[in-house]
């Protein structure tokens, strides 16, 4: 676990920055929503990456974990923004983009 901690923290910081940026690109300006995103990512990204690390990082573990994270974050966004449609867009789109950027970063690191 100690050797993966820097990577887990890097993933968390990257996820927070990407999802904050996505919310801003989607027009979100309310501080309570932006800071709720930070809190949600601390509460979901850390356990997800620890879970994936301890389960070998296989696609099944990643898919199950990501689905749970998206569900939790959509529910949290619903509480903060008040509309299901907005909560679903925020939760699904922010997580999809941060996941894809994370995969791209891993590929770049692997080949360069």
C-alpha atoms as a PDB file:
ATOM      1  CA  UNK A   1       0.000   0.000   0.000  1.00  0.00           C
ATOM      2  CA  UNK A   2       2.819   2.442   0.833  1.00  0.00           C
ATOM      3  CA  UNK A   3       4.258   2.216  -2.678  1.00  0.00           C
ATOM      4  CA  UNK A   4       0.845   2.917  -4.258  1.00  0.00           C
ATOM      5  CA  UNK A   5      -0.078   5.825  -1.981  1.00  0.00           C
ATOM      6  CA  UNK A   6       1.567   8.523  -4.153  1.00  0.00           C
ATOM      7  CA  UNK A   7      -0.289   7.186  -7.211  1.00  0.00           C
ATOM      8  CA  UNK A   8      -3.587   7.122  -5.333  1.00  0.00           C
ATOM      9  CA  UNK A   9      -3.093  10.720  -4.177  1.00  0.00           C
ATOM     10  CA  UNK A  10      -2.078  11.737  -7.731  1.00  0.00           C
ATOM     11  CA  UNK A  11      -5.271  10.118  -9.063  1.00  0.00           C
ATOM     12  CA  UNK A  12      -7.369  11.931  -6.466  1.00  0.00           C
ATOM     13  CA  UNK A  13      -5.869  15.348  -7.210  1.00  0.00           C
ATOM     14  CA  UNK A  14      -6.195  14.765 -10.943  1.00  0.00           C
ATOM     15  CA  UNK A  15      -9.798  13.663 -10.584  1.00  0.00           C
ATOM     16  CA  UNK A  16     -10.685  16.705  -8.484  1.00  0.00           C
ATOM     17  CA  UNK A  17      -9.110  19.089 -11.001  1.00  0.00           C
ATOM     18  CA  UNK A  18     -10.698  17.403 -14.020  1.00  0.00           C
ATOM     19  CA  UNK A  19     -14.167  17.200 -12.494  1.00  0.00           C
ATOM     20  CA  UNK A  20     -14.007  20.789 -11.175  1.00  0.00           C
ATOM     21  CA  UNK A  21     -13.035  21.883 -14.676  1.00  0.00           C
ATOM     22  CA  UNK A  22     -15.841  19.873 -16.256  1.00  0.00           C
ATOM     23  CA  UNK A  23     -18.398  21.422 -13.915  1.00  0.00           C
ATOM     24  CA  UNK A  24     -17.106  24.879 -14.848  1.00  0.00           C
ATOM     25  CA  UNK A  25     -17.291  24.003 -18.567  1.00  0.00           C
ATOM     26  CA  UNK A  26     -20.877  22.878 -18.014  1.00  0.00           C
ATOM     27  CA  UNK A  27     -21.621  26.332 -16.633  1.00  0.00           C
ATOM     28  CA  UNK A  28     -21.670  25.501 -12.940  1.00  0.00           C
ATOM     29  CA  UNK A  29     -20.647  28.480 -10.826  1.00  0.00           C
ATOM     30  CA  UNK A  30     -22.193  27.721  -7.439  1.00  0.00           C
ATOM     31  CA  UNK A  31     -19.513  27.219  -4.825  1.00  0.00           C
ATOM     32  CA  UNK A  32     -21.589  24.685  -2.921  1.00  0.00           C
ATOM     33  CA  UNK A  33     -21.736  22.423  -5.979  1.00  0.00           C
ATOM     34  CA  UNK A  34     -18.052  22.813  -6.816  1.00  0.00           C
ATOM     35  CA  UNK A  35     -16.936  22.130  -3.239  1.00  0.00           C
ATOM     36  CA  UNK A  36     -19.416  19.250  -2.941  1.00  0.00           C
ATOM     37  CA  UNK A  37     -17.645  17.742  -5.955  1.00  0.00           C
ATOM     38  CA  UNK A  38     -14.327  17.944  -4.094  1.00  0.00           C
ATOM     39  CA  UNK A  39     -15.842  16.289  -1.000  1.00  0.00           C
ATOM     40  CA  UNK A  40     -17.516  13.580  -3.098  1.00  0.00           C
ATOM     41  CA  UNK A  41     -14.255  12.762  -4.847  1.00  0.00           C
ATOM     42  CA  UNK A  42     -12.373  12.482  -1.568  1.00  0.00           C
ATOM     43  CA  UNK A  43     -15.074  10.130  -0.277  1.00  0.00           C
ATOM     44  CA  UNK A  44     -15.347   8.024  -3.458  1.00  0.00           C
ATOM     45  CA  UNK A  45     -12.029   8.216  -5.336  1.00  0.00           C
ATOM     46  CA  UNK A  46      -9.788   7.179  -2.454  1.00  0.00           C
ATOM     47  CA  UNK A  47     -11.796   4.055  -1.541  1.00  0.00           C
ATOM     48  CA  UNK A  48     -12.210   3.189  -5.237  1.00  0.00           C
ATOM     49  CA  UNK A  49      -8.480   3.300  -5.924  1.00  0.00           C
ATOM     50  CA  UNK A  50      -7.669   1.375  -2.752  1.00  0.00           C
ATOM     51  CA  UNK A  51     -10.279  -1.246  -3.748  1.00  0.00           C
ATOM     52  CA  UNK A  52      -8.873  -1.497  -7.284  1.00  0.00           C
ATOM     53  CA  UNK A  53      -5.310  -1.761  -5.978  1.00  0.00           C
ATOM     54  CA  UNK A  54      -6.206  -4.576  -3.589  1.00  0.00           C
ATOM     55  CA  UNK A  55      -8.219  -6.444  -6.222  1.00  0.00           C
ATOM     56  CA  UNK A  56      -5.481  -6.594  -8.821  1.00  0.00           C
ATOM     57  CA  UNK A  57      -6.701  -3.702 -10.945  1.00  0.00           C
ATOM     58  CA  UNK A  58      -8.716  -5.948 -13.258  1.00  0.00           C
ATOM     59  CA  UNK A  59     -11.452  -4.567 -15.469  1.00  0.00           C
ATOM     60  CA  UNK A  60     -14.183  -6.193 -13.396  1.00  0.00           C
ATOM     61  CA  UNK A  61     -13.025  -4.449 -10.231  1.00  0.00           C
ATOM     62  CA  UNK A  62     -12.711  -1.166 -12.115  1.00  0.00           C
ATOM     63  CA  UNK A  63     -16.146  -1.450 -13.750  1.00  0.00           C
ATOM     64  CA  UNK A  64     -17.936  -2.391 -10.524  1.00  0.00           C
ATOM     65  CA  UNK A  65     -16.133   0.313  -8.575  1.00  0.00           C
ATOM     66  CA  UNK A  66     -16.782   3.019 -11.167  1.00  0.00           C
ATOM     67  CA  UNK A  67     -20.481   2.123 -11.352  1.00  0.00           C
ATOM     68  CA  UNK A  68     -20.792   2.430  -7.583  1.00  0.00           C
ATOM     69  CA  UNK A  69     -18.946   5.763  -7.609  1.00  0.00           C
ATOM     70  CA  UNK A  70     -21.170   7.164 -10.366  1.00  0.00           C
ATOM     71  CA  UNK A  71     -24.310   6.072  -8.509  1.00  0.00           C
ATOM     72  CA  UNK A  72     -23.140   7.614  -5.231  1.00  0.00           C
ATOM     73  CA  UNK A  73     -22.071  10.845  -6.900  1.00  0.00           C
ATOM     74  CA  UNK A  74     -25.329  11.194  -8.862  1.00  0.00           C
ATOM     75  CA  UNK A  75     -27.256  10.799  -5.599  1.00  0.00           C
ATOM     76  CA  UNK A  76     -25.026  13.388  -3.906  1.00  0.00           C
ATOM     77  CA  UNK A  77     -25.350  15.821  -6.813  1.00  0.00           C
ATOM     78  CA  UNK A  78     -29.132  15.367  -6.646  1.00  0.00           C
ATOM     79  CA  UNK A  79     -29.053  16.532  -3.026  1.00  0.00           C
ATOM     80  CA  UNK A  80     -26.913  19.554  -3.910  1.00  0.00           C
ATOM     81  CA  UNK A  81     -28.353  20.724  -7.236  1.00  0.00           C
ATOM     82  CA  UNK A  82     -31.946  19.623  -6.687  1.00  0.00           C
ATOM     83  CA  UNK A  83     -32.623  18.246 -10.180  1.00  0.00           C
ATOM     84  CA  UNK A  84     -32.196  14.659 -11.309  1.00  0.00           C
ATOM     85  CA  UNK A  85     -31.333  15.611 -14.889  1.00  0.00           C
ATOM     86  CA  UNK A  86     -28.498  17.898 -13.804  1.00  0.00           C
ATOM     87  CA  UNK A  87     -27.277  15.393 -11.207  1.00  0.00           C
ATOM     88  CA  UNK A  88     -27.132  12.610 -13.796  1.00  0.00           C
ATOM     89  CA  UNK A  89     -25.276  14.764 -16.331  1.00  0.00           C
ATOM     90  CA  UNK A  90     -22.787  15.937 -13.705  1.00  0.00           C
ATOM     91  CA  UNK A  91     -22.211  12.506 -12.194  1.00  0.00           C
ATOM     92  CA  UNK A  92     -21.940  10.533 -15.422  1.00  0.00           C
ATOM     93  CA  UNK A  93     -20.108  13.076 -17.575  1.00  0.00           C
ATOM     94  CA  UNK A  94     -17.577  14.188 -14.942  1.00  0.00           C
ATOM     95  CA  UNK A  95     -16.704  10.592 -14.060  1.00  0.00           C
ATOM     96  CA  UNK A  96     -16.500   9.489 -17.688  1.00  0.00           C
ATOM     97  CA  UNK A  97     -14.145  12.324 -18.593  1.00  0.00           C
ATOM     98  CA  UNK A  98     -11.940  11.887 -15.517  1.00  0.00           C
ATOM     99  CA  UNK A  99     -11.782   8.123 -16.106  1.00  0.00           C
ATOM    100  CA  UNK A 100     -10.818   8.534 -19.763  1.00  0.00           C
ATOM    101  CA  UNK A 101      -8.205  11.186 -18.981  1.00  0.00           C
ATOM    102  CA  UNK A 102      -6.805   8.898 -16.276  1.00  0.00           C
ATOM    103  CA  UNK A 103      -6.540   6.025 -18.760  1.00  0.00           C
ATOM    104  CA  UNK A 104      -4.839   8.324 -21.266  1.00  0.00           C
ATOM    105  CA  UNK A 105      -2.322   9.468 -18.640  1.00  0.00           C
ATOM    106  CA  UNK A 106      -1.562   5.823 -17.813  1.00  0.00           C
ATOM    107  CA  UNK A 107      -0.997   5.017 -21.499  1.00  0.00           C
ATOM    108  CA  UNK A 108       1.294   8.004 -21.955  1.00  0.00           C
ATOM    109  CA  UNK A 109       3.286   7.023 -18.854  1.00  0.00           C
ATOM    110  CA  UNK A 110       3.517   3.454 -20.087  1.00  0.00           C
ATOM    111  CA  UNK A 111       4.927   4.354 -23.472  1.00  0.00           C
ATOM    112  CA  UNK A 112       7.050   7.399 -22.660  1.00  0.00           C
END
